[in-house]
C-alpha cells in the first residue's frame, strides 16, 4: 500500500500561530547551539519570496534568489557524520550522500541540498508534534527514526510506503524535496501509519490521509515561519506553492485548504475528496487556534479505524475534543464537520 501526492489535481480564515509559538519551540540547549548549520528553503522559495514567476529549469541555482535560503541548525543528529539522527535518517542513491562536514553553501543545484531539506523538515515536523505533547503527556506520534530516500522516483511524485515505513521523494518537475510542504505531507502519512497500522484502506480513509498530510504541511511550515522569524508572502491555505509551479496557474497551489467542497462533492479520488476533510481541519484551527486544534486532530487519529469513514472519523474527533477541552471545543469541531455536510455528525 502506498500513499501518494497527486500532481493531476493541481491543474484543476488564515490564523497566525505566533501566539502559540513559545509553547511549541524545542528547548534551545547547547546541542542546538552547536549543531551543524546548513541552508534550506523556508518553507519554499515561492512562499518566502512571494514571486509567482519562479520556475524550476532543472535545478538551476540562478532561478531562485539567494534571499530565498535560510541558514538553520540541523538538530538531533547522531555522531555518524551523515544526515541521520533521532527523528530522521536520509539516504540517496543517485548522488553523493550529504555529510555534516560539507554542507556549507549548498544550493538547489546540488542533490545534497534536497537531502538537507528532507532531514531538516522531517525533524521539524516531529519537533512540532513533540511540542504539542505527543511523546510526553500524549502518546507518541511517529516518535522514531523516520527512514527517507531521495531521488528514488523518477516521476513527479512522492510517496510513503508502509512495507518499509519509508518516505521516498521524486525528481520529476520541481524536485519534491525542495518544497517543505510536500516533505511534511508525506511525513503525515507516516504519522497516520504509526498511529493506526494500515490506515487508509478505504476511499474515505485514504482521503482523510491526504487531507491530514496537506494540513500538517501547512501547519509545520507556518509554525517554522513564526519560530524563525521568516515572513510568509503567499496564502496560508495554499499548499505546495513551489512544487506546483510547473503544472498550475499562478498563484500556484498543489491543493488548497479553504475550498468549498462538501460531502456530496465526493468523486472517489482520495486527493480530490481530501479537500473536504482538510477544509474542516482548517476551520477547526480557525475556531480553536493552532495548538488546541492540532492536539485534538492528531490525538483523535489514534481512535480511527484503518478503513474509517468521514462520519466515524468526524464523530471520533468531536468526542476527542469533548474529552480534552470540553463542550465548547466539541461544538466548534462538530460545526466544522457539519459545514462540510458530513452526514450523521
C-alpha atoms as a PDB file:
ATOM      1  CA  UNK A   1       0.000   0.000   0.000  1.00  0.00           C
ATOM      2  CA  UNK A   2       1.316   3.445  -0.830  1.00  0.00           C
ATOM      3  CA  UNK A   3       0.101   6.945  -0.192  1.00  0.00           C
ATOM      4  CA  UNK A   4       0.811   9.351  -2.992  1.00  0.00           C
ATOM      5  CA  UNK A   5       0.914  13.075  -3.541  1.00  0.00           C
ATOM      6  CA  UNK A   6      -1.089  13.654  -6.724  1.00  0.00           C
ATOM      7  CA  UNK A   7       0.035  16.183  -9.309  1.00  0.00           C
ATOM      8  CA  UNK A   8      -3.008  15.955 -11.617  1.00  0.00           C
ATOM      9  CA  UNK A   9      -5.385  17.759  -9.279  1.00  0.00           C
ATOM     10  CA  UNK A  10      -3.300  20.882  -9.060  1.00  0.00           C
ATOM     11  CA  UNK A  11      -4.117  21.896 -12.605  1.00  0.00           C
ATOM     12  CA  UNK A  12      -7.605  21.982 -11.895  1.00  0.00           C
ATOM     13  CA  UNK A  13      -9.589  32.248   7.573  1.00  0.00           C
ATOM     14  CA  UNK A  14      -5.865  32.427   7.864  1.00  0.00           C
ATOM     15  CA  UNK A  15      -4.905  32.298  11.543  1.00  0.00           C
ATOM     16  CA  UNK A  16      -1.402  33.083  12.779  1.00  0.00           C
ATOM     17  CA  UNK A  17       0.433  30.691  15.064  1.00  0.00           C
ATOM     18  CA  UNK A  18       2.594  33.411  16.531  1.00  0.00           C
ATOM     19  CA  UNK A  19       0.711  33.449  19.833  1.00  0.00           C
ATOM     20  CA  UNK A  20       1.324  29.723  20.271  1.00  0.00           C
ATOM     21  CA  UNK A  21       4.945  29.730  19.137  1.00  0.00           C
ATOM     22  CA  UNK A  22       6.552  29.885  22.567  1.00  0.00           C
ATOM     23  CA  UNK A  23       4.761  26.728  23.642  1.00  0.00           C
ATOM     24  CA  UNK A  24       5.889  24.843  20.542  1.00  0.00           C
ATOM     25  CA  UNK A  25       9.608  25.642  20.457  1.00  0.00           C
ATOM     26  CA  UNK A  26      12.125  22.905  21.197  1.00  0.00           C
ATOM     27  CA  UNK A  27      14.475  23.667  24.051  1.00  0.00           C
ATOM     28  CA  UNK A  28      17.397  25.832  22.975  1.00  0.00           C
ATOM     29  CA  UNK A  29      20.148  23.890  24.717  1.00  0.00           C
ATOM     30  CA  UNK A  30      23.818  23.545  23.889  1.00  0.00           C
ATOM     31  CA  UNK A  31      23.133  20.800  21.353  1.00  0.00           C
ATOM     32  CA  UNK A  32      21.085  23.181  19.223  1.00  0.00           C
ATOM     33  CA  UNK A  33      23.680  25.930  19.564  1.00  0.00           C
ATOM     34  CA  UNK A  34      26.491  23.654  18.368  1.00  0.00           C
ATOM     35  CA  UNK A  35      24.538  21.747  15.709  1.00  0.00           C
ATOM     36  CA  UNK A  36      25.818  21.818  12.106  1.00  0.00           C
ATOM     37  CA  UNK A  37      24.495  24.707  10.035  1.00  0.00           C
ATOM     38  CA  UNK A  38      23.021  24.379   6.543  1.00  0.00           C
ATOM     39  CA  UNK A  39      20.824  26.263   4.111  1.00  0.00           C
ATOM     40  CA  UNK A  40      17.204  25.313   3.470  1.00  0.00           C
ATOM     41  CA  UNK A  41      14.132  26.837   1.877  1.00  0.00           C
ATOM     42  CA  UNK A  42      11.769  28.356   4.420  1.00  0.00           C
ATOM     43  CA  UNK A  43       9.208  26.944   3.526  1.00  0.00           C
ATOM     44  CA  UNK A  44       9.722  27.073  -0.223  1.00  0.00           C
ATOM     45  CA  UNK A  45      11.063  29.832  -2.485  1.00  0.00           C
ATOM     46  CA  UNK A  46       7.668  30.937  -3.773  1.00  0.00           C
ATOM     47  CA  UNK A  47       6.242  31.247  -0.283  1.00  0.00           C
ATOM     48  CA  UNK A  48       9.233  33.118   1.131  1.00  0.00           C
ATOM     49  CA  UNK A  49       9.645  35.492  -1.829  1.00  0.00           C
ATOM     50  CA  UNK A  50       6.047  35.899  -2.984  1.00  0.00           C
ATOM     51  CA  UNK A  51       7.377  35.620  -6.553  1.00  0.00           C
ATOM     52  CA  UNK A  52       4.930  33.553  -8.605  1.00  0.00           C
ATOM     53  CA  UNK A  53       7.202  33.715 -11.688  1.00  0.00           C
ATOM     54  CA  UNK A  54       9.895  31.452 -10.238  1.00  0.00           C
ATOM     55  CA  UNK A  55      10.464  28.326 -12.314  1.00  0.00           C
ATOM     56  CA  UNK A  56      12.480  25.132 -11.908  1.00  0.00           C
ATOM     57  CA  UNK A  57      14.661  24.947 -15.032  1.00  0.00           C
ATOM     58  CA  UNK A  58      16.171  21.635 -13.956  1.00  0.00           C
ATOM     59  CA  UNK A  59      17.707  22.661 -10.636  1.00  0.00           C
ATOM     60  CA  UNK A  60      19.372  25.813 -11.920  1.00  0.00           C
ATOM     61  CA  UNK A  61      20.718  27.716  -8.924  1.00  0.00           C
ATOM     62  CA  UNK A  62      20.242  31.031 -10.720  1.00  0.00           C
ATOM     63  CA  UNK A  63      16.461  30.597 -10.860  1.00  0.00           C
ATOM     64  CA  UNK A  64      15.996  31.017  -7.111  1.00  0.00           C
ATOM     65  CA  UNK A  65      17.310  34.160  -5.390  1.00  0.00           C
ATOM     66  CA  UNK A  66      19.838  33.832  -2.574  1.00  0.00           C
ATOM     67  CA  UNK A  67      17.334  35.587  -0.313  1.00  0.00           C
ATOM     68  CA  UNK A  68      15.068  32.516  -0.506  1.00  0.00           C
ATOM     69  CA  UNK A  69      17.540  30.453   1.542  1.00  0.00           C
ATOM     70  CA  UNK A  70      17.606  30.411   5.331  1.00  0.00           C
ATOM     71  CA  UNK A  71      20.546  29.172   7.403  1.00  0.00           C
ATOM     72  CA  UNK A  72      19.399  26.801  10.132  1.00  0.00           C
ATOM     73  CA  UNK A  73      20.758  24.378  12.702  1.00  0.00           C
ATOM     74  CA  UNK A  74      20.348  20.676  11.938  1.00  0.00           C
ATOM     75  CA  UNK A  75      19.245  19.436  15.338  1.00  0.00           C
ATOM     76  CA  UNK A  76      19.174  15.918  16.811  1.00  0.00           C
ATOM     77  CA  UNK A  77      21.868  14.456  14.537  1.00  0.00           C
ATOM     78  CA  UNK A  78      23.749  11.385  15.715  1.00  0.00           C
ATOM     79  CA  UNK A  79      27.545  11.075  15.684  1.00  0.00           C
ATOM     80  CA  UNK A  80      27.781   9.303  12.306  1.00  0.00           C
ATOM     81  CA  UNK A  81      28.523  12.426  10.280  1.00  0.00           C
ATOM     82  CA  UNK A  82      25.602  11.606   7.988  1.00  0.00           C
ATOM     83  CA  UNK A  83      22.104  13.094   7.900  1.00  0.00           C
ATOM     84  CA  UNK A  84      20.903  10.616  10.469  1.00  0.00           C
ATOM     85  CA  UNK A  85      19.545  11.344  13.891  1.00  0.00           C
ATOM     86  CA  UNK A  86      16.833  10.968  16.477  1.00  0.00           C
ATOM     87  CA  UNK A  87      13.874  11.550  14.151  1.00  0.00           C
ATOM     88  CA  UNK A  88      15.152  11.071  10.582  1.00  0.00           C
ATOM     89  CA  UNK A  89      17.660   9.046   8.553  1.00  0.00           C
ATOM     90  CA  UNK A  90      18.220  10.226   4.983  1.00  0.00           C
ATOM     91  CA  UNK A  91      19.950   8.424   2.160  1.00  0.00           C
ATOM     92  CA  UNK A  92      20.351   8.986  -1.555  1.00  0.00           C
ATOM     93  CA  UNK A  93      21.219   6.516  -4.295  1.00  0.00           C
ATOM     94  CA  UNK A  94      21.740   8.919  -7.196  1.00  0.00           C
ATOM     95  CA  UNK A  95      24.297  11.299  -5.740  1.00  0.00           C
ATOM     96  CA  UNK A  96      26.899  11.637  -3.034  1.00  0.00           C
ATOM     97  CA  UNK A  97      25.448  11.286   0.452  1.00  0.00           C
ATOM     98  CA  UNK A  98      25.493  14.535   2.364  1.00  0.00           C
ATOM     99  CA  UNK A  99      27.954  14.732   5.241  1.00  0.00           C
ATOM    100  CA  UNK A 100      27.645  17.201   8.064  1.00  0.00           C
ATOM    101  CA  UNK A 101      31.203  18.367   7.373  1.00  0.00           C
ATOM    102  CA  UNK A 102      30.461  19.631   3.847  1.00  0.00           C
ATOM    103  CA  UNK A 103      27.067  21.351   3.987  1.00  0.00           C
ATOM    104  CA  UNK A 104      28.197  24.978   3.816  1.00  0.00           C
ATOM    105  CA  UNK A 105      26.838  26.874   0.837  1.00  0.00           C
ATOM    106  CA  UNK A 106      24.823  24.046  -0.709  1.00  0.00           C
ATOM    107  CA  UNK A 107      22.088  25.236  -3.061  1.00  0.00           C
ATOM    108  CA  UNK A 108      19.392  23.567  -5.139  1.00  0.00           C
ATOM    109  CA  UNK A 109      21.803  22.712  -7.964  1.00  0.00           C
ATOM    110  CA  UNK A 110      23.390  20.099  -5.684  1.00  0.00           C
ATOM    111  CA  UNK A 111      21.420  16.934  -4.870  1.00  0.00           C
ATOM    112  CA  UNK A 112      22.722  17.102  -1.314  1.00  0.00           C
ATOM    113  CA  UNK A 113      20.552  20.187  -0.775  1.00  0.00           C
ATOM    114  CA  UNK A 114      17.442  18.012  -1.066  1.00  0.00           C
ATOM    115  CA  UNK A 115      18.881  15.613   1.485  1.00  0.00           C
ATOM    116  CA  UNK A 116      19.363  18.521   3.892  1.00  0.00           C
ATOM    117  CA  UNK A 117      15.809  19.695   3.232  1.00  0.00           C
ATOM    118  CA  UNK A 118      14.423  16.235   3.937  1.00  0.00           C
ATOM    119  CA  UNK A 119      16.337  15.898   7.197  1.00  0.00           C
ATOM    120  CA  UNK A 120      15.547  19.363   8.473  1.00  0.00           C
ATOM    121  CA  UNK A 121      11.822  19.282   7.721  1.00  0.00           C
ATOM    122  CA  UNK A 122      11.172  15.731   8.954  1.00  0.00           C
ATOM    123  CA  UNK A 123      12.958  16.669  12.176  1.00  0.00           C
ATOM    124  CA  UNK A 124      10.989  19.928  12.312  1.00  0.00           C
ATOM    125  CA  UNK A 125       7.709  18.045  11.892  1.00  0.00           C
ATOM    126  CA  UNK A 126       8.429  15.667  14.758  1.00  0.00           C
ATOM    127  CA  UNK A 127       9.630  18.512  16.952  1.00  0.00           C
ATOM    128  CA  UNK A 128       6.333  20.246  16.259  1.00  0.00           C
ATOM    129  CA  UNK A 129       4.392  17.158  17.375  1.00  0.00           C
ATOM    130  CA  UNK A 130       6.619  16.819  20.424  1.00  0.00           C
ATOM    131  CA  UNK A 131       5.864  20.453  21.253  1.00  0.00           C
ATOM    132  CA  UNK A 132       2.160  19.620  21.235  1.00  0.00           C
ATOM    133  CA  UNK A 133       2.787  16.989  23.895  1.00  0.00           C
ATOM    134  CA  UNK A 134       2.902  13.874  21.706  1.00  0.00           C
ATOM    135  CA  UNK A 135       5.517  11.565  23.175  1.00  0.00           C
ATOM    136  CA  UNK A 136       5.152  13.019  26.677  1.00  0.00           C
ATOM    137  CA  UNK A 137       1.686  13.787  28.068  1.00  0.00           C
ATOM    138  CA  UNK A 138       0.084  12.245  24.977  1.00  0.00           C
ATOM    139  CA  UNK A 139       1.054   9.081  23.083  1.00  0.00           C
ATOM    140  CA  UNK A 140       3.948   9.393  20.661  1.00  0.00           C
ATOM    141  CA  UNK A 141       3.008  10.077  17.031  1.00  0.00           C
ATOM    142  CA  UNK A 142       5.745   8.525  14.867  1.00  0.00           C
ATOM    143  CA  UNK A 143       8.329   9.377  17.509  1.00  0.00           C
ATOM    144  CA  UNK A 144      11.015   7.199  15.968  1.00  0.00           C
ATOM    145  CA  UNK A 145      13.726   7.457  13.322  1.00  0.00           C
ATOM    146  CA  UNK A 146      11.902   8.016  10.009  1.00  0.00           C
ATOM    147  CA  UNK A 147      13.718   6.480   7.009  1.00  0.00           C
ATOM    148  CA  UNK A 148      13.784   8.755   3.946  1.00  0.00           C
ATOM    149  CA  UNK A 149      15.158   8.010   0.471  1.00  0.00           C
ATOM    150  CA  UNK A 150      15.879  10.717  -2.072  1.00  0.00           C
ATOM    151  CA  UNK A 151      15.616  10.521  -5.867  1.00  0.00           C
ATOM    152  CA  UNK A 152      14.090   7.072  -5.928  1.00  0.00           C
ATOM    153  CA  UNK A 153      11.074   8.028  -8.000  1.00  0.00           C
ATOM    154  CA  UNK A 154      11.699   9.484 -11.439  1.00  0.00           C
ATOM    155  CA  UNK A 155       8.156  10.754 -11.933  1.00  0.00           C
ATOM    156  CA  UNK A 156       6.786  13.954 -10.425  1.00  0.00           C
ATOM    157  CA  UNK A 157       5.504  12.146  -7.382  1.00  0.00           C
ATOM    158  CA  UNK A 158       6.489  11.152  -3.865  1.00  0.00           C
ATOM    159  CA  UNK A 159       5.034   8.579  -1.531  1.00  0.00           C
ATOM    160  CA  UNK A 160       5.137   6.794   1.787  1.00  0.00           C
ATOM    161  CA  UNK A 161       5.278   3.013   1.673  1.00  0.00           C
ATOM    162  CA  UNK A 162       4.100   1.100   4.710  1.00  0.00           C
ATOM    163  CA  UNK A 163       6.008  -2.015   3.628  1.00  0.00           C
ATOM    164  CA  UNK A 164       9.253  -0.360   4.728  1.00  0.00           C
ATOM    165  CA  UNK A 165       7.765   2.558   6.692  1.00  0.00           C
ATOM    166  CA  UNK A 166       9.804   4.709   4.332  1.00  0.00           C
ATOM    167  CA  UNK A 167       9.238   8.039   2.584  1.00  0.00           C
ATOM    168  CA  UNK A 168      10.523   8.398  -0.981  1.00  0.00           C
ATOM    169  CA  UNK A 169      10.821  11.679  -2.843  1.00  0.00           C
ATOM    170  CA  UNK A 170      10.758  12.065  -6.623  1.00  0.00           C
ATOM    171  CA  UNK A 171      12.641  14.342  -9.007  1.00  0.00           C
ATOM    172  CA  UNK A 172      10.168  14.988 -11.838  1.00  0.00           C
ATOM    173  CA  UNK A 173       9.495  18.705 -12.358  1.00  0.00           C
ATOM    174  CA  UNK A 174      10.480  20.600  -9.219  1.00  0.00           C
ATOM    175  CA  UNK A 175      12.318  18.082  -7.063  1.00  0.00           C
ATOM    176  CA  UNK A 176       9.748  17.245  -4.411  1.00  0.00           C
ATOM    177  CA  UNK A 177      12.198  17.564  -1.521  1.00  0.00           C
ATOM    178  CA  UNK A 178      12.698  21.235  -2.404  1.00  0.00           C
ATOM    179  CA  UNK A 179       9.236  22.036  -1.041  1.00  0.00           C
ATOM    180  CA  UNK A 180       8.823  21.614   2.715  1.00  0.00           C
ATOM    181  CA  UNK A 181       5.045  21.267   2.443  1.00  0.00           C
ATOM    182  CA  UNK A 182       5.492  18.202   0.202  1.00  0.00           C
ATOM    183  CA  UNK A 183       8.068  16.745   2.590  1.00  0.00           C
ATOM    184  CA  UNK A 184       5.790  17.170   5.589  1.00  0.00           C
ATOM    185  CA  UNK A 185       2.744  15.966   3.626  1.00  0.00           C
ATOM    186  CA  UNK A 186       4.458  12.603   3.157  1.00  0.00           C
ATOM    187  CA  UNK A 187       5.517  12.625   6.785  1.00  0.00           C
ATOM    188  CA  UNK A 188       1.827  12.972   7.625  1.00  0.00           C
ATOM    189  CA  UNK A 189       1.229   9.559   6.043  1.00  0.00           C
ATOM    190  CA  UNK A 190       4.000   8.112   8.208  1.00  0.00           C
ATOM    191  CA  UNK A 191       2.331   9.621  11.280  1.00  0.00           C
ATOM    192  CA  UNK A 192      -1.010   8.040  10.361  1.00  0.00           C
ATOM    193  CA  UNK A 193       0.623   4.643   9.815  1.00  0.00           C
ATOM    194  CA  UNK A 194       2.406   4.864  13.157  1.00  0.00           C
ATOM    195  CA  UNK A 195      -0.883   5.688  14.866  1.00  0.00           C
ATOM    196  CA  UNK A 196      -3.042   3.102  13.056  1.00  0.00           C
ATOM    197  CA  UNK A 197      -1.345   0.319  11.114  1.00  0.00           C
ATOM    198  CA  UNK A 198      -2.772   0.016   7.610  1.00  0.00           C
ATOM    199  CA  UNK A 199      -4.563   3.349   7.779  1.00  0.00           C
ATOM    200  CA  UNK A 200      -6.133   4.420   4.501  1.00  0.00           C
ATOM    201  CA  UNK A 201      -7.627   1.103   3.416  1.00  0.00           C
ATOM    202  CA  UNK A 202     -10.921   2.645   2.265  1.00  0.00           C
ATOM    203  CA  UNK A 203     -11.530   5.562  -0.121  1.00  0.00           C
ATOM    204  CA  UNK A 204     -12.686   7.886   2.658  1.00  0.00           C
ATOM    205  CA  UNK A 205      -9.835   6.904   4.975  1.00  0.00           C
ATOM    206  CA  UNK A 206      -7.432   7.493   2.098  1.00  0.00           C
ATOM    207  CA  UNK A 207      -8.933  10.942   1.565  1.00  0.00           C
ATOM    208  CA  UNK A 208      -8.503  11.719   5.279  1.00  0.00           C
ATOM    209  CA  UNK A 209      -4.851  10.705   4.964  1.00  0.00           C
ATOM    210  CA  UNK A 210      -4.247  13.065   2.049  1.00  0.00           C
ATOM    211  CA  UNK A 211      -6.073  15.869   3.850  1.00  0.00           C
ATOM    212  CA  UNK A 212      -4.055  15.457   7.027  1.00  0.00           C
ATOM    213  CA  UNK A 213      -0.813  15.458   5.037  1.00  0.00           C
ATOM    214  CA  UNK A 214      -1.753  18.758   3.393  1.00  0.00           C
ATOM    215  CA  UNK A 215      -2.858  20.249   6.704  1.00  0.00           C
ATOM    216  CA  UNK A 216       0.274  19.129   8.566  1.00  0.00           C
ATOM    217  CA  UNK A 217       2.476  20.528   5.806  1.00  0.00           C
ATOM    218  CA  UNK A 218       0.815  23.915   6.187  1.00  0.00           C
ATOM    219  CA  UNK A 219       0.944  23.822   9.980  1.00  0.00           C
ATOM    220  CA  UNK A 220       4.575  22.789  10.388  1.00  0.00           C
ATOM    221  CA  UNK A 221       5.620  25.334   7.787  1.00  0.00           C
ATOM    222  CA  UNK A 222       3.667  28.211   9.304  1.00  0.00           C
ATOM    223  CA  UNK A 223       4.954  27.362  12.774  1.00  0.00           C
ATOM    224  CA  UNK A 224       8.517  27.378  11.446  1.00  0.00           C
ATOM    225  CA  UNK A 225       7.954  30.750   9.784  1.00  0.00           C
ATOM    226  CA  UNK A 226       6.890  32.166  13.139  1.00  0.00           C
ATOM    227  CA  UNK A 227       9.624  30.400  15.074  1.00  0.00           C
ATOM    228  CA  UNK A 228      12.465  31.577  12.858  1.00  0.00           C
ATOM    229  CA  UNK A 229      11.001  34.988  12.063  1.00  0.00           C
ATOM    230  CA  UNK A 230      10.648  34.220   8.359  1.00  0.00           C
ATOM    231  CA  UNK A 231       7.864  36.074   6.509  1.00  0.00           C
ATOM    232  CA  UNK A 232       5.213  34.142   4.615  1.00  0.00           C
ATOM    233  CA  UNK A 233       4.378  36.053   1.434  1.00  0.00           C
ATOM    234  CA  UNK A 234       1.742  33.765  -0.051  1.00  0.00           C
ATOM    235  CA  UNK A 235      -1.646  32.460   1.036  1.00  0.00           C
ATOM    236  CA  UNK A 236      -1.590  30.237   4.128  1.00  0.00           C
ATOM    237  CA  UNK A 237      -4.263  27.930   2.679  1.00  0.00           C
ATOM    238  CA  UNK A 238      -2.224  27.242  -0.473  1.00  0.00           C
ATOM    239  CA  UNK A 239      -0.188  24.029  -0.212  1.00  0.00           C
ATOM    240  CA  UNK A 240       2.866  23.239  -2.356  1.00  0.00           C
ATOM    241  CA  UNK A 241       3.409  26.672  -3.907  1.00  0.00           C
ATOM    242  CA  UNK A 242       6.856  25.790  -5.318  1.00  0.00           C
ATOM    243  CA  UNK A 243       6.282  22.152  -6.247  1.00  0.00           C
ATOM    244  CA  UNK A 244       3.237  23.101  -8.328  1.00  0.00           C
ATOM    245  CA  UNK A 245       4.837  25.844 -10.432  1.00  0.00           C
ATOM    246  CA  UNK A 246       5.229  23.547 -13.417  1.00  0.00           C
ATOM    247  CA  UNK A 247       1.609  22.440 -13.669  1.00  0.00           C
ATOM    248  CA  UNK A 248      -0.641  25.095 -12.106  1.00  0.00           C
ATOM    249  CA  UNK A 249      -1.546  28.650 -12.967  1.00  0.00           C
ATOM    250  CA  UNK A 250      -0.436  31.471 -10.695  1.00  0.00           C
ATOM    251  CA  UNK A 251      -0.978  31.754  -7.834  1.00  0.00           C
ATOM    252  CA  UNK A 252       0.460  28.246  -7.754  1.00  0.00           C
ATOM    253  CA  UNK A 253      -1.088  25.661  -5.419  1.00  0.00           C
ATOM    254  CA  UNK A 254      -0.939  21.890  -5.325  1.00  0.00           C
ATOM    255  CA  UNK A 255      -4.185  21.956  -3.348  1.00  0.00           C
ATOM    256  CA  UNK A 256      -5.971  24.371  -1.040  1.00  0.00           C
ATOM    257  CA  UNK A 257      -7.259  24.050   2.496  1.00  0.00           C
ATOM    258  CA  UNK A 258     -10.060  26.598   2.167  1.00  0.00           C
ATOM    259  CA  UNK A 259     -12.151  25.128  -0.642  1.00  0.00           C
ATOM    260  CA  UNK A 260     -15.934  24.911  -0.716  1.00  0.00           C
ATOM    261  CA  UNK A 261     -16.394  21.168  -1.275  1.00  0.00           C
ATOM    262  CA  UNK A 262     -18.911  19.282   0.813  1.00  0.00           C
ATOM    263  CA  UNK A 263     -19.628  15.580   1.235  1.00  0.00           C
ATOM    264  CA  UNK A 264     -21.895  15.477  -1.805  1.00  0.00           C
ATOM    265  CA  UNK A 265     -18.940  16.596  -3.972  1.00  0.00           C
ATOM    266  CA  UNK A 266     -17.047  13.326  -3.491  1.00  0.00           C
ATOM    267  CA  UNK A 267     -15.659  11.864  -6.725  1.00  0.00           C
ATOM    268  CA  UNK A 268     -13.933   8.766  -5.372  1.00  0.00           C
ATOM    269  CA  UNK A 269     -10.368  10.088  -5.768  1.00  0.00           C
ATOM    270  CA  UNK A 270      -8.530  10.478  -2.487  1.00  0.00           C
ATOM    271  CA  UNK A 271      -6.745  13.763  -3.205  1.00  0.00           C
ATOM    272  CA  UNK A 272      -9.871  15.450  -4.527  1.00  0.00           C
ATOM    273  CA  UNK A 273     -12.076  14.166  -1.719  1.00  0.00           C
ATOM    274  CA  UNK A 274      -9.397  15.032   0.813  1.00  0.00           C
ATOM    275  CA  UNK A 275     -10.152  18.711   0.225  1.00  0.00           C
ATOM    276  CA  UNK A 276     -13.466  18.150   2.035  1.00  0.00           C
ATOM    277  CA  UNK A 277     -11.704  16.924   5.172  1.00  0.00           C
ATOM    278  CA  UNK A 278      -8.818  19.396   5.041  1.00  0.00           C
ATOM    279  CA  UNK A 279     -11.257  22.326   4.933  1.00  0.00           C
ATOM    280  CA  UNK A 280     -12.844  21.012   8.127  1.00  0.00           C
ATOM    281  CA  UNK A 281      -9.435  20.783   9.796  1.00  0.00           C
ATOM    282  CA  UNK A 282      -8.577  24.296   8.631  1.00  0.00           C
ATOM    283  CA  UNK A 283     -11.852  25.587  10.083  1.00  0.00           C
ATOM    284  CA  UNK A 284     -11.210  23.845  13.415  1.00  0.00           C
ATOM    285  CA  UNK A 285      -7.853  25.599  13.514  1.00  0.00           C
ATOM    286  CA  UNK A 286      -9.550  28.898  12.799  1.00  0.00           C
ATOM    287  CA  UNK A 287     -12.012  28.426  15.642  1.00  0.00           C
ATOM    288  CA  UNK A 288      -9.742  26.969  18.325  1.00  0.00           C
ATOM    289  CA  UNK A 289      -6.252  28.162  17.385  1.00  0.00           C
ATOM    290  CA  UNK A 290      -3.403  26.054  16.086  1.00  0.00           C
ATOM    291  CA  UNK A 291      -2.237  24.395  19.291  1.00  0.00           C
ATOM    292  CA  UNK A 292      -5.620  23.313  20.619  1.00  0.00           C
ATOM    293  CA  UNK A 293      -6.849  22.247  17.192  1.00  0.00           C
ATOM    294  CA  UNK A 294      -3.781  20.191  16.425  1.00  0.00           C
ATOM    295  CA  UNK A 295      -3.741  18.428  19.762  1.00  0.00           C
ATOM    296  CA  UNK A 296      -7.341  17.379  19.121  1.00  0.00           C
ATOM    297  CA  UNK A 297      -6.835  16.482  15.463  1.00  0.00           C
ATOM    298  CA  UNK A 298      -3.748  14.326  15.978  1.00  0.00           C
ATOM    299  CA  UNK A 299      -4.947  12.714  19.208  1.00  0.00           C
ATOM    300  CA  UNK A 300      -8.257  11.753  17.609  1.00  0.00           C
ATOM    301  CA  UNK A 301      -6.444   9.828  14.883  1.00  0.00           C
ATOM    302  CA  UNK A 302      -5.351   7.167  17.377  1.00  0.00           C
ATOM    303  CA  UNK A 303      -9.036   6.182  17.510  1.00  0.00           C
ATOM    304  CA  UNK A 304      -9.591   5.877  13.754  1.00  0.00           C
ATOM    305  CA  UNK A 305     -10.121   2.500  12.137  1.00  0.00           C
ATOM    306  CA  UNK A 306      -7.841   1.709   9.138  1.00  0.00           C
ATOM    307  CA  UNK A 307     -10.896   1.922   6.858  1.00  0.00           C
ATOM    308  CA  UNK A 308     -12.725   4.686   8.712  1.00  0.00           C
ATOM    309  CA  UNK A 309     -15.468   6.729   7.080  1.00  0.00           C
ATOM    310  CA  UNK A 310     -15.739  10.511   7.187  1.00  0.00           C
ATOM    311  CA  UNK A 311     -18.671  10.133   9.576  1.00  0.00           C
ATOM    312  CA  UNK A 312     -16.907   7.866  12.048  1.00  0.00           C
ATOM    313  CA  UNK A 313     -13.679   9.881  11.961  1.00  0.00           C
ATOM    314  CA  UNK A 314     -15.602  13.117  12.491  1.00  0.00           C
ATOM    315  CA  UNK A 315     -17.514  11.673  15.453  1.00  0.00           C
ATOM    316  CA  UNK A 316     -14.262  10.415  16.964  1.00  0.00           C
ATOM    317  CA  UNK A 317     -12.715  13.863  16.574  1.00  0.00           C
ATOM    318  CA  UNK A 318     -15.714  15.517  18.224  1.00  0.00           C
ATOM    319  CA  UNK A 319     -15.527  13.054  21.118  1.00  0.00           C
ATOM    320  CA  UNK A 320     -11.796  13.712  21.483  1.00  0.00           C
ATOM    321  CA  UNK A 321     -12.406  17.456  21.632  1.00  0.00           C
ATOM    322  CA  UNK A 322     -15.045  16.915  24.324  1.00  0.00           C
ATOM    323  CA  UNK A 323     -12.705  14.763  26.404  1.00  0.00           C
ATOM    324  CA  UNK A 324      -9.692  17.066  26.059  1.00  0.00           C
ATOM    325  CA  UNK A 325     -11.257  20.531  26.179  1.00  0.00           C
ATOM    326  CA  UNK A 326     -14.964  20.284  26.931  1.00  0.00           C
ATOM    327  CA  UNK A 327     -18.281  21.159  25.362  1.00  0.00           C
ATOM    328  CA  UNK A 328     -17.356  24.418  23.667  1.00  0.00           C
ATOM    329  CA  UNK A 329     -14.422  22.874  21.808  1.00  0.00           C
ATOM    330  CA  UNK A 330     -16.522  19.861  20.829  1.00  0.00           C
ATOM    331  CA  UNK A 331     -19.205  22.144  19.425  1.00  0.00           C
ATOM    332  CA  UNK A 332     -16.635  24.027  17.337  1.00  0.00           C
ATOM    333  CA  UNK A 333     -15.304  20.753  15.915  1.00  0.00           C
ATOM    334  CA  UNK A 334     -18.812  19.473  15.197  1.00  0.00           C
ATOM    335  CA  UNK A 335     -19.718  22.713  13.426  1.00  0.00           C
ATOM    336  CA  UNK A 336     -16.677  22.423  11.163  1.00  0.00           C
ATOM    337  CA  UNK A 337     -17.678  18.928  10.031  1.00  0.00           C
ATOM    338  CA  UNK A 338     -21.337  19.861   9.681  1.00  0.00           C
ATOM    339  CA  UNK A 339     -20.314  22.725   7.405  1.00  0.00           C
ATOM    340  CA  UNK A 340     -18.867  20.047   5.103  1.00  0.00           C
ATOM    341  CA  UNK A 341     -22.295  18.356   5.272  1.00  0.00           C
ATOM    342  CA  UNK A 342     -20.891  15.064   6.520  1.00  0.00           C
ATOM    343  CA  UNK A 343     -23.981  13.013   7.343  1.00  0.00           C
ATOM    344  CA  UNK A 344     -24.630  11.812  10.867  1.00  0.00           C
ATOM    345  CA  UNK A 345     -22.317  14.285  12.617  1.00  0.00           C
END
